[in-house]
C-alpha atoms as a PDB file:
ATOM      1  CA  MET A   1       0.013   0.114   0.192  1.00  0.00           C
ATOM      2  CA  SER A   2       2.762   2.515   0.901  1.00  0.00           C
ATOM      3  CA  ASN A   3       4.504   1.913  -2.323  1.00  0.00           C
ATOM      4  CA  LYS A   4       1.599   3.699  -4.295  1.00  0.00           C
ATOM      5  CA  GLU A   5       2.109   7.235  -5.970  1.00  0.00           C
ATOM      6  CA  TYR A   6      -0.347   9.899  -5.577  1.00  0.00           C
ATOM      7  CA  LYS A   7      -0.729  13.221  -7.017  1.00  0.00           C
ATOM      8  CA  CYS A   8      -2.095  14.969  -3.726  1.00  0.00           C
ATOM      9  CA  PHE A   9      -0.855  12.779  -0.975  1.00  0.00           C
ATOM     10  CA  GLU A  10       2.098  10.711   0.284  1.00  0.00           C
ATOM     11  CA  LEU A  11       1.529   7.509   2.530  1.00  0.00           C
ATOM     12  CA  LYS A  12       4.040   5.959   4.683  1.00  0.00           C
ATOM     13  CA  VAL A  13       3.355   3.044   6.996  1.00  0.00           C
ATOM     14  CA  GLU A  14       5.833   2.265   9.920  1.00  0.00           C
ATOM     15  CA  ASP A  15       5.315   0.716  13.294  1.00  0.00           C
ATOM     16  CA  HIS A  16       1.614   0.324  12.730  1.00  0.00           C
ATOM     17  CA  VAL A  17       1.090   4.114  12.212  1.00  0.00           C
ATOM     18  CA  ALA A  18       0.096   5.581   8.570  1.00  0.00           C
ATOM     19  CA  ASN A  19       1.286   8.790   7.872  1.00  0.00           C
ATOM     20  CA  LEU A  20      -0.987  10.439   5.398  1.00  0.00           C
ATOM     21  CA  VAL A  21       0.455  13.780   4.229  1.00  0.00           C
ATOM     22  CA  LEU A  22      -1.192  16.400   1.905  1.00  0.00           C
ATOM     23  CA  THR A  23       1.577  17.315  -0.651  1.00  0.00           C
ATOM     24  CA  ARG A  24       0.349  20.248  -2.940  1.00  0.00           C
ATOM     25  CA  PRO A  25       1.748  23.220  -0.923  1.00  0.00           C
ATOM     26  CA  ASN A  26       2.111  25.509  -3.833  1.00  0.00           C
ATOM     27  CA  GLU A  27      -1.635  24.828  -4.410  1.00  0.00           C
ATOM     28  CA  LEU A  28      -2.328  25.392  -0.625  1.00  0.00           C
ATOM     29  CA  ASN A  29      -3.348  21.636  -0.844  1.00  0.00           C
ATOM     30  CA  THR A  30      -6.849  22.508  -2.059  1.00  0.00           C
ATOM     31  CA  MET A  31      -9.020  19.640  -2.581  1.00  0.00           C
ATOM     32  CA  SER A  32      -9.083  18.865  -6.149  1.00  0.00           C
ATOM     33  CA  ARG A  33     -11.051  15.986  -8.037  1.00  0.00           C
ATOM     34  CA  ASP A  34      -7.758  14.037  -7.625  1.00  0.00           C
ATOM     35  CA  PHE A  35      -7.608  14.824  -4.096  1.00  0.00           C
ATOM     36  CA  TRP A  36     -11.172  13.388  -3.403  1.00  0.00           C
ATOM     37  CA  VAL A  37     -10.527  10.284  -5.604  1.00  0.00           C
ATOM     38  CA  GLU A  38      -7.224   9.460  -4.088  1.00  0.00           C
ATOM     39  CA  LEU A  39      -8.482  10.129  -0.328  1.00  0.00           C
ATOM     40  CA  GLY A  40     -11.388   7.630  -0.936  1.00  0.00           C
ATOM     41  CA  GLY A  41      -8.979   5.167  -2.317  1.00  0.00           C
ATOM     42  CA  ILE A  42      -6.155   5.491   0.360  1.00  0.00           C
ATOM     43  CA  LEU A  43      -8.694   5.157   3.183  1.00  0.00           C
ATOM     44  CA  GLU A  44     -10.333   2.201   1.763  1.00  0.00           C
ATOM     45  CA  ASP A  45      -6.503   0.583   1.662  1.00  0.00           C
ATOM     46  CA  ILE A  46      -5.905   1.618   5.132  1.00  0.00           C
ATOM     47  CA  ASN A  47      -9.236  -0.001   6.293  1.00  0.00           C
ATOM     48  CA  ARG A  48      -8.098  -3.199   4.739  1.00  0.00           C
ATOM     49  CA  ASP A  49      -4.509  -3.077   5.880  1.00  0.00           C
ATOM     50  CA  SER A  50      -4.285  -5.156   9.175  1.00  0.00           C
ATOM     51  CA  ASP A  51      -0.655  -3.506   9.864  1.00  0.00           C
ATOM     52  CA  VAL A  52      -2.119  -0.060  10.203  1.00  0.00           C
ATOM     53  CA  ARG A  53      -3.411   0.885  13.755  1.00  0.00           C
ATOM     54  CA  VAL A  54      -3.466   4.606  13.640  1.00  0.00           C
ATOM     55  CA  VAL A  55      -3.432   7.212  10.999  1.00  0.00           C
ATOM     56  CA  VAL A  56      -1.794  10.509  11.377  1.00  0.00           C
ATOM     57  CA  MET A  57      -3.150  13.376   8.574  1.00  0.00           C
ATOM     58  CA  SER A  58      -0.749  16.182   8.254  1.00  0.00           C
ATOM     59  CA  SER A  59       0.289  18.516   5.566  1.00  0.00           C
ATOM     60  CA  THR A  60       3.038  20.443   3.883  1.00  0.00           C
ATOM     61  CA  GLY A  61       3.542  24.322   3.475  1.00  0.00           C
ATOM     62  CA  LYS A  62       2.196  27.437   4.934  1.00  0.00           C
ATOM     63  CA  HIS A  63      -1.220  26.049   5.388  1.00  0.00           C
ATOM     64  CA  PHE A  64      -2.877  22.720   6.203  1.00  0.00           C
ATOM     65  CA  CYS A  65      -5.739  22.916   3.486  1.00  0.00           C
ATOM     66  CA  ALA A  66      -7.368  25.774   1.683  1.00  0.00           C
ATOM     67  CA  GLY A  67     -10.559  23.948   1.157  1.00  0.00           C
ATOM     68  CA  MET A  68     -12.289  23.036  -1.953  1.00  0.00           C
ATOM     69  CA  ASP A  69     -10.884  23.739  -5.418  1.00  0.00           C
ATOM     70  CA  LEU A  70     -14.054  25.050  -6.856  1.00  0.00           C
ATOM     71  CA  ASN A  71     -12.634  25.281 -10.300  1.00  0.00           C
ATOM     72  CA  ALA A  72     -12.540  21.561 -10.401  1.00  0.00           C
ATOM     73  CA  PHE A  73     -16.008  21.222  -9.855  1.00  0.00           C
ATOM     74  CA  SER A  74     -17.606  23.130 -12.463  1.00  0.00           C
ATOM     75  CA  ASN A  75     -20.420  21.224 -13.785  1.00  0.00           C
ATOM     76  CA  GLY A  76     -20.246  22.691 -17.238  1.00  0.00           C
ATOM     77  CA  VAL A  77     -23.745  23.902 -17.506  1.00  0.00           C
ATOM     78  CA  GLU A  78     -22.483  27.402 -18.144  1.00  0.00           C
ATOM     79  CA  ASN A  79     -20.925  26.278 -21.410  1.00  0.00           C
ATOM     80  CA  ILE A  80     -24.424  24.882 -22.730  1.00  0.00           C
ATOM     81  CA  PRO A  81     -26.586  27.004 -25.003  1.00  0.00           C
ATOM     82  CA  ASP A  82     -29.718  28.229 -23.126  1.00  0.00           C
ATOM     83  CA  ASP A  83     -32.056  26.342 -25.382  1.00  0.00           C
ATOM     84  CA  LYS A  84     -30.309  23.156 -24.437  1.00  0.00           C
ATOM     85  CA  LYS A  85     -29.489  23.587 -20.691  1.00  0.00           C
ATOM     86  CA  PRO A  86     -31.135  21.127 -18.358  1.00  0.00           C
ATOM     87  CA  ASP A  87     -34.075  22.635 -15.996  1.00  0.00           C
ATOM     88  CA  HIS A  88     -33.227  23.690 -12.571  1.00  0.00           C
ATOM     89  CA  ALA A  89     -34.336  20.386 -10.912  1.00  0.00           C
ATOM     90  CA  ARG A  90     -32.134  18.325 -13.026  1.00  0.00           C
ATOM     91  CA  VAL A  91     -29.151  20.782 -12.232  1.00  0.00           C
ATOM     92  CA  GLY A  92     -30.083  20.625  -8.638  1.00  0.00           C
ATOM     93  CA  GLU A  93     -30.385  16.840  -8.518  1.00  0.00           C
ATOM     94  CA  ALA A  94     -26.998  16.550  -9.984  1.00  0.00           C
ATOM     95  CA  LEU A  95     -25.535  18.969  -7.403  1.00  0.00           C
ATOM     96  CA  TYR A  96     -27.355  16.913  -4.824  1.00  0.00           C
ATOM     97  CA  ARG A  97     -25.332  13.774  -5.939  1.00  0.00           C
ATOM     98  CA  VAL A  98     -22.051  15.536  -6.100  1.00  0.00           C
ATOM     99  CA  ALA A  99     -22.623  16.833  -2.440  1.00  0.00           C
ATOM    100  CA  LYS A 100     -23.510  13.169  -1.294  1.00  0.00           C
ATOM    101  CA  GLU A 101     -20.499  11.805  -2.832  1.00  0.00           C
ATOM    102  CA  LEU A 102     -18.202  14.379  -1.092  1.00  0.00           C
ATOM    103  CA  GLN A 103     -19.890  13.764   2.021  1.00  0.00           C
ATOM    104  CA  GLU A 104     -19.296   9.980   1.991  1.00  0.00           C
ATOM    105  CA  TYR A 105     -15.723  10.533   1.322  1.00  0.00           C
ATOM    106  CA  ILE A 106     -15.455  12.499   4.618  1.00  0.00           C
ATOM    107  CA  THR A 107     -17.459  10.186   6.307  1.00  0.00           C
ATOM    108  CA  THR A 108     -15.068   7.438   5.612  1.00  0.00           C
ATOM    109  CA  LEU A 109     -12.744   8.921   8.124  1.00  0.00           C
ATOM    110  CA  GLU A 110     -15.163   8.100  10.850  1.00  0.00           C
ATOM    111  CA  LYS A 111     -16.001   4.610   9.202  1.00  0.00           C
ATOM    112  CA  ILE A 112     -12.662   3.198   9.137  1.00  0.00           C
ATOM    113  CA  ARG A 113     -11.713   1.167  11.977  1.00  0.00           C
ATOM    114  CA  VAL A 114      -8.498   3.135  12.923  1.00  0.00           C
ATOM    115  CA  PRO A 115      -8.593   6.370  15.103  1.00  0.00           C
ATOM    116  CA  VAL A 116      -7.347   9.346  12.754  1.00  0.00           C
ATOM    117  CA  ILE A 117      -5.296  12.231  14.169  1.00  0.00           C
ATOM    118  CA  ALA A 118      -5.177  15.531  12.296  1.00  0.00           C
ATOM    119  CA  ALA A 119      -2.057  17.678  12.727  1.00  0.00           C
ATOM    120  CA  ILE A 120      -2.937  21.219  11.625  1.00  0.00           C
ATOM    121  CA  GLN A 121      -0.746  24.019  10.763  1.00  0.00           C
ATOM    122  CA  GLY A 122      -1.670  27.329   9.270  1.00  0.00           C
ATOM    123  CA  GLY A 123      -4.983  27.597   7.672  1.00  0.00           C
ATOM    124  CA  CYS A 124      -7.836  24.866   7.851  1.00  0.00           C
ATOM    125  CA  ILE A 125     -10.467  26.373   5.631  1.00  0.00           C
ATOM    126  CA  GLY A 126     -13.818  25.381   4.159  1.00  0.00           C
ATOM    127  CA  GLY A 127     -13.913  21.637   3.191  1.00  0.00           C
ATOM    128  CA  ALA A 128     -10.911  21.115   5.226  1.00  0.00           C
ATOM    129  CA  VAL A 129     -12.952  21.825   8.474  1.00  0.00           C
ATOM    130  CA  ASP A 130     -15.323  19.143   7.004  1.00  0.00           C
ATOM    131  CA  MET A 131     -12.530  16.983   6.800  1.00  0.00           C
ATOM    132  CA  VAL A 132     -10.944  17.360  10.259  1.00  0.00           C
ATOM    133  CA  THR A 133     -14.144  17.428  12.231  1.00  0.00           C
ATOM    134  CA  ALA A 134     -14.550  13.830  10.954  1.00  0.00           C
ATOM    135  CA  CYS A 135     -11.211  12.875  12.373  1.00  0.00           C
ATOM    136  CA  ASP A 136     -10.877  11.444  15.839  1.00  0.00           C
ATOM    137  CA  ILE A 137      -8.351  13.736  17.392  1.00  0.00           C
ATOM    138  CA  ARG A 138      -7.287  17.258  16.433  1.00  0.00           C
ATOM    139  CA  LEU A 139      -3.835  18.783  17.304  1.00  0.00           C
ATOM    140  CA  ALA A 140      -2.561  22.099  15.924  1.00  0.00           C
ATOM    141  CA  SER A 141       0.380  24.481  15.720  1.00  0.00           C
ATOM    142  CA  ASP A 142       0.190  27.882  17.263  1.00  0.00           C
ATOM    143  CA  ASP A 143      -0.310  29.504  13.629  1.00  0.00           C
ATOM    144  CA  ALA A 144      -3.324  27.415  13.089  1.00  0.00           C
ATOM    145  CA  PHE A 145      -6.800  29.025  12.259  1.00  0.00           C
ATOM    146  CA  PHE A 146     -10.137  27.410  11.313  1.00  0.00           C
ATOM    147  CA  CYS A 147     -12.717  29.024   8.881  1.00  0.00           C
ATOM    148  CA  ILE A 148     -15.971  28.071   7.873  1.00  0.00           C
ATOM    149  CA  GLN A 149     -15.382  29.758   4.478  1.00  0.00           C
ATOM    150  CA  GLU A 150     -18.624  28.939   2.531  1.00  0.00           C
ATOM    151  CA  VAL A 151     -20.746  31.874   3.881  1.00  0.00           C
ATOM    152  CA  ASN A 152     -17.901  34.139   2.402  1.00  0.00           C
ATOM    153  CA  ILE A 153     -18.498  32.885  -1.065  1.00  0.00           C
ATOM    154  CA  GLY A 154     -22.154  32.986  -0.879  1.00  0.00           C
ATOM    155  CA  MET A 155     -23.022  29.531   0.271  1.00  0.00           C
ATOM    156  CA  ALA A 156     -23.927  27.207   3.210  1.00  0.00           C
ATOM    157  CA  ALA A 157     -21.328  24.675   4.262  1.00  0.00           C
ATOM    158  CA  ASP A 158     -22.698  21.059   3.052  1.00  0.00           C
ATOM    159  CA  VAL A 159     -20.134  18.367   3.511  1.00  0.00           C
ATOM    160  CA  GLY A 160     -20.046  17.862   7.199  1.00  0.00           C
ATOM    161  CA  THR A 161     -19.059  20.861   9.231  1.00  0.00           C
ATOM    162  CA  LEU A 162     -22.636  21.867  10.198  1.00  0.00           C
ATOM    163  CA  GLN A 163     -23.473  18.419  11.352  1.00  0.00           C
ATOM    164  CA  ARG A 164     -20.167  17.679  13.152  1.00  0.00           C
ATOM    165  CA  LEU A 165     -18.514  20.818  14.677  1.00  0.00           C
ATOM    166  CA  PRO A 166     -21.615  21.599  17.022  1.00  0.00           C
ATOM    167  CA  LYS A 167     -20.778  17.825  18.644  1.00  0.00           C
ATOM    168  CA  ILE A 168     -17.376  19.310  19.166  1.00  0.00           C
ATOM    169  CA  ILE A 169     -17.545  23.012  20.238  1.00  0.00           C
ATOM    170  CA  PRO A 170     -20.518  24.776  21.700  1.00  0.00           C
ATOM    171  CA  ASP A 171     -23.573  25.254  19.316  1.00  0.00           C
ATOM    172  CA  SER A 172     -23.481  29.188  19.766  1.00  0.00           C
ATOM    173  CA  LYS A 173     -19.836  29.648  18.700  1.00  0.00           C
ATOM    174  CA  MET A 174     -20.349  27.148  15.734  1.00  0.00           C
ATOM    175  CA  ARG A 175     -23.096  29.117  14.647  1.00  0.00           C
ATOM    176  CA  GLU A 176     -21.278  32.486  14.959  1.00  0.00           C
ATOM    177  CA  MET A 177     -18.444  31.159  12.812  1.00  0.00           C
ATOM    178  CA  ALA A 178     -20.669  29.786  10.173  1.00  0.00           C
ATOM    179  CA  TYR A 179     -22.598  32.897   9.849  1.00  0.00           C
ATOM    180  CA  THR A 180     -19.553  35.186   9.708  1.00  0.00           C
ATOM    181  CA  GLY A 181     -16.878  33.177   8.118  1.00  0.00           C
ATOM    182  CA  ARG A 182     -14.359  34.508  10.821  1.00  0.00           C
ATOM    183  CA  ARG A 183     -11.355  32.878  11.804  1.00  0.00           C
ATOM    184  CA  MET A 184     -10.937  30.877  14.903  1.00  0.00           C
ATOM    185  CA  PHE A 185      -7.298  30.821  16.072  1.00  0.00           C
ATOM    186  CA  ALA A 186      -5.508  28.111  17.806  1.00  0.00           C
ATOM    187  CA  ASP A 187      -5.895  29.681  21.300  1.00  0.00           C
ATOM    188  CA  GLU A 188      -9.556  29.818  20.820  1.00  0.00           C
ATOM    189  CA  ALA A 189      -9.783  26.496  19.237  1.00  0.00           C
ATOM    190  CA  LYS A 190      -8.070  24.851  22.290  1.00  0.00           C
ATOM    191  CA  GLU A 191     -10.343  26.799  24.675  1.00  0.00           C
ATOM    192  CA  ALA A 192     -13.593  25.637  22.710  1.00  0.00           C
ATOM    193  CA  GLY A 193     -12.266  22.144  22.516  1.00  0.00           C
ATOM    194  CA  LEU A 194     -11.990  21.772  18.700  1.00  0.00           C
ATOM    195  CA  ILE A 195      -8.331  20.999  19.288  1.00  0.00           C
ATOM    196  CA  SER A 196      -6.674  18.739  22.224  1.00  0.00           C
ATOM    197  CA  ASP A 197      -3.502  20.599  22.412  1.00  0.00           C
ATOM    198  CA  LYS A 198      -1.254  23.195  20.485  1.00  0.00           C
ATOM    199  CA  PHE A 199       2.566  23.395  19.798  1.00  0.00           C
ATOM    200  CA  GLU A 200       4.803  26.187  18.865  1.00  0.00           C
ATOM    201  CA  SER A 201       6.090  24.736  15.510  1.00  0.00           C
ATOM    202  CA  HIS A 202       5.090  22.503  12.740  1.00  0.00           C
ATOM    203  CA  GLU A 203       7.925  20.225  13.933  1.00  0.00           C
ATOM    204  CA  GLU A 204       6.834  19.934  17.418  1.00  0.00           C
ATOM    205  CA  LEU A 205       3.284  19.350  16.204  1.00  0.00           C
ATOM    206  CA  LEU A 206       4.445  16.368  13.952  1.00  0.00           C
ATOM    207  CA  ASN A 207       6.310  14.916  16.636  1.00  0.00           C
ATOM    208  CA  ALA A 208       3.557  15.203  19.239  1.00  0.00           C
ATOM    209  CA  ALA A 209       1.108  13.735  16.761  1.00  0.00           C
ATOM    210  CA  ASN A 210       3.107  10.634  15.929  1.00  0.00           C
ATOM    211  CA  LYS A 211       4.082  10.253  19.624  1.00  0.00           C
ATOM    212  CA  LEU A 212       0.407  10.074  20.484  1.00  0.00           C
ATOM    213  CA  ALA A 213      -0.111   7.658  17.464  1.00  0.00           C
ATOM    214  CA  LYS A 214       2.431   5.220  18.584  1.00  0.00           C
ATOM    215  CA  GLU A 215       1.007   5.109  22.105  1.00  0.00           C
ATOM    216  CA  ILE A 216      -2.416   4.379  20.649  1.00  0.00           C
ATOM    217  CA  ALA A 217      -0.764   1.782  18.188  1.00  0.00           C
ATOM    218  CA  SER A 218       0.491  -0.148  21.368  1.00  0.00           C
ATOM    219  CA  LYS A 219      -2.877  -1.085  22.453  1.00  0.00           C
ATOM    220  CA  SER A 220      -5.009  -3.904  21.537  1.00  0.00           C
ATOM    221  CA  PRO A 221      -6.142  -3.143  17.878  1.00  0.00           C
ATOM    222  CA  VAL A 222      -9.361  -4.977  18.662  1.00  0.00           C
ATOM    223  CA  ALA A 223      -9.999  -2.739  21.651  1.00  0.00           C
ATOM    224  CA  ILE A 224      -9.314   0.495  19.731  1.00  0.00           C
ATOM    225  CA  TYR A 225     -11.644  -0.550  16.886  1.00  0.00           C
ATOM    226  CA  GLY A 226     -14.329  -1.167  19.602  1.00  0.00           C
ATOM    227  CA  LEU A 227     -13.622   2.180  21.272  1.00  0.00           C
ATOM    228  CA  LYS A 228     -13.968   4.176  17.979  1.00  0.00           C
ATOM    229  CA  ALA A 229     -17.121   2.111  16.854  1.00  0.00           C
ATOM    230  CA  VAL A 230     -18.884   2.452  20.353  1.00  0.00           C
ATOM    231  CA  MET A 231     -17.941   6.314  20.770  1.00  0.00           C
ATOM    232  CA  ASN A 232     -19.136   7.035  17.221  1.00  0.00           C
ATOM    233  CA  TYR A 233     -22.398   5.395  17.832  1.00  0.00           C
ATOM    234  CA  SER A 234     -23.098   6.983  21.023  1.00  0.00           C
ATOM    235  CA  ARG A 235     -22.406  10.615  19.879  1.00  0.00           C
ATOM    236  CA  ASP A 236     -25.367   9.931  17.341  1.00  0.00           C
ATOM    237  CA  HIS A 237     -27.849   7.995  19.527  1.00  0.00           C
ATOM    238  CA  ASN A 238     -29.493   7.974  22.925  1.00  0.00           C
ATOM    239  CA  VAL A 239     -27.878   6.588  26.062  1.00  0.00           C
ATOM    240  CA  GLN A 240     -30.165   3.123  26.044  1.00  0.00           C
ATOM    241  CA  ASP A 241     -29.531   2.515  22.472  1.00  0.00           C
ATOM    242  CA  SER A 242     -25.798   3.226  22.937  1.00  0.00           C
ATOM    243  CA  LEU A 243     -25.606   0.838  25.941  1.00  0.00           C
ATOM    244  CA  GLU A 244     -27.224  -1.830  24.142  1.00  0.00           C
ATOM    245  CA  TYR A 245     -24.803  -1.360  21.025  1.00  0.00           C
ATOM    246  CA  ASN A 246     -21.928  -1.399  23.470  1.00  0.00           C
ATOM    247  CA  ALA A 247     -22.967  -4.674  25.001  1.00  0.00           C
ATOM    248  CA  LEU A 248     -23.528  -6.245  21.723  1.00  0.00           C
ATOM    249  CA  TRP A 249     -20.070  -4.990  20.518  1.00  0.00           C
ATOM    250  CA  SER A 250     -18.465  -6.469  23.716  1.00  0.00           C
ATOM    251  CA  GLY A 251     -20.478  -9.917  23.277  1.00  0.00           C
ATOM    252  CA  ALA A 252     -19.035 -10.195  19.967  1.00  0.00           C
ATOM    253  CA  MET A 253     -15.749  -8.755  19.808  1.00  0.00           C
ATOM    254  CA  LEU A 254     -14.263  -8.774  23.536  1.00  0.00           C
ATOM    255  CA  SER A 255     -10.756 -10.447  23.005  1.00  0.00           C
ATOM    256  CA  GLN A 256      -9.764 -12.605  26.112  1.00  0.00           C
ATOM    257  CA  LYS A 257      -6.558 -13.145  24.494  1.00  0.00           C
ATOM    258  CA  ASP A 258      -5.478  -9.462  24.265  1.00  0.00           C
ATOM    259  CA  MET A 259      -6.881  -8.884  27.711  1.00  0.00           C
ATOM    260  CA  ALA A 260      -4.493 -11.555  29.229  1.00  0.00           C
ATOM    261  CA  GLU A 261      -1.672 -10.398  27.164  1.00  0.00           C
ATOM    262  CA  GLN A 262      -2.202  -6.753  28.416  1.00  0.00           C
ATOM    263  CA  MET A 263      -2.556  -7.610  32.001  1.00  0.00           C
ATOM    264  CA  THR A 264       0.603  -9.977  31.775  1.00  0.00           C
ATOM    265  CA  ALA A 265       2.581  -7.381  30.261  1.00  0.00           C
ATOM    266  CA  ASN A 266       1.538  -4.745  32.844  1.00  0.00           C
ATOM    267  CA  MET A 267       2.763  -7.240  35.698  1.00  0.00           C
ATOM    268  CA  GLU A 268       6.027  -7.964  33.852  1.00  0.00           C
ATOM    269  CA  LYS A 269       6.506  -4.044  33.179  1.00  0.00           C
ATOM    270  CA  ARG A 270       7.021  -4.509  29.340  1.00  0.00           C
ATOM    271  CA  GLU A 271       5.095  -3.474  26.097  1.00  0.00           C
ATOM    272  CA  ALA A 272       2.355  -5.891  25.268  1.00  0.00           C
ATOM    273  CA  SER A 273       2.371  -7.492  21.841  1.00  0.00           C
ATOM    274  CA  PHE A 274      -0.951  -8.031  20.215  1.00  0.00           C
ATOM    275  CA  ASN A 275      -1.718 -10.135  16.888  1.00  0.00           C
ATOM    276  CA  GLU A 276      -2.689  -8.057  13.853  1.00  0.00           C
ATOM    277  CA  LEU A 277      -6.198  -8.058  12.937  1.00  0.00           C
ATOM    278  CA  VAL A 278      -7.253 -10.766  10.038  1.00  0.00           C
ATOM    279  CA  LYS A 279      -6.752  -9.154   6.535  1.00  0.00           C
ATOM    280  CA  VAL A 280      -9.699  -8.773   4.690  1.00  0.00           C
ATOM    281  CA  ARG A 281      -9.079  -8.817   0.870  1.00  0.00           C
ATOM    282  CA  LYS A 282     -10.971  -7.029  -1.963  1.00  0.00           C
ATOM    283  CA  PHE A 283     -13.146  -9.495  -3.777  1.00  0.00           C
ATOM    284  CA  ASN A 284     -11.150  -8.799  -7.135  1.00  0.00           C
ATOM    285  CA  GLU A 285      -7.851  -9.245  -5.218  1.00  0.00           C
ATOM    286  CA  SER A 286      -5.832 -12.359  -6.307  1.00  0.00           C
ATOM    287  CA  ASP A 287      -4.216 -14.683  -3.907  1.00  0.00           C
ATOM    288  CA  SER A 288      -0.658 -13.766  -4.925  1.00  0.00           C
END
C-alpha cells in the first residue's frame, strides 16, 4: 500500500502508524478532483491493511488545506447553450449527488476502524474543516486557524461541518463562525475544545502527533476498533440505544487473549504484543 504514488498525498506506514500527508503546498493543498478520488481509495486501503492501527493526517507548506478547489467542480452547465440547458430541477439533482459523494468521502474518516489524528498547521479552511471534524483527534500549531469559509463565497457549508462541529464545540460558537466566516485561531480552538493541544512549531506538532499515534498503536487493535465504533455510535444515539450497542459489541468482539496479554505485560513491566487483525481482501484481489 505504501508504495503507491499519488498526486495529492504521500502515504508511509511504519510501526503500525500510517502517515498520510497532503503534498500540494504550492496550491495550498486545495481539494481538487484528484484529491477526493485519492482520499477515498487511500482510506479504503488503510481500512483493509491489518498492519495499520492509527493514521496521522498532516500537511506541507504554509497552510494545512485551503478547502475546495471550486474550479475543479464546474458542472459545465455554463457552457451549454440556453436552449439546451437542463432545467433547474435536473441541475439541482446533479448537485445533490455531488454533495452526497463528497460527504461520503469525509464520512469514511469516521467509518474506518482506526483512529485518525489530524495535525493542523496554518489555515484549515472550508472543506478542510469538514475533513478534520470527521477525525478522531485534532492537534494544531500556534499559527493554525479554522474558518467556515463557505458563507464568504455565498453558500452554506454542505459536506459535514454543520453536522459535526456542534458535537465538538458549543453550538452558539459554531453558529457564529458559520454566519460570519471569521477565523478561529489556535488559542480559541483549544479553549473551545476543537483541538486537544497546540504546539509552537510544525515540527513539534508532527512529533507530538506521531508520539500520540505510537501510544495508541501499542494498544489492542481490537479494543481500539471497539472504542471508535462505540464512541461514534454513542455520539449519534441516545443513552439506552448506545448501551445496547456497547453490550452487543463486547459480546461479539471482546478479546480474552488481548486482555490476558495486556495484564501480563503490565505485571511484567513490558510492552504488550498483540496479533494483527485478520486481513480482509477485496473481492477482486488475487491470492498472489
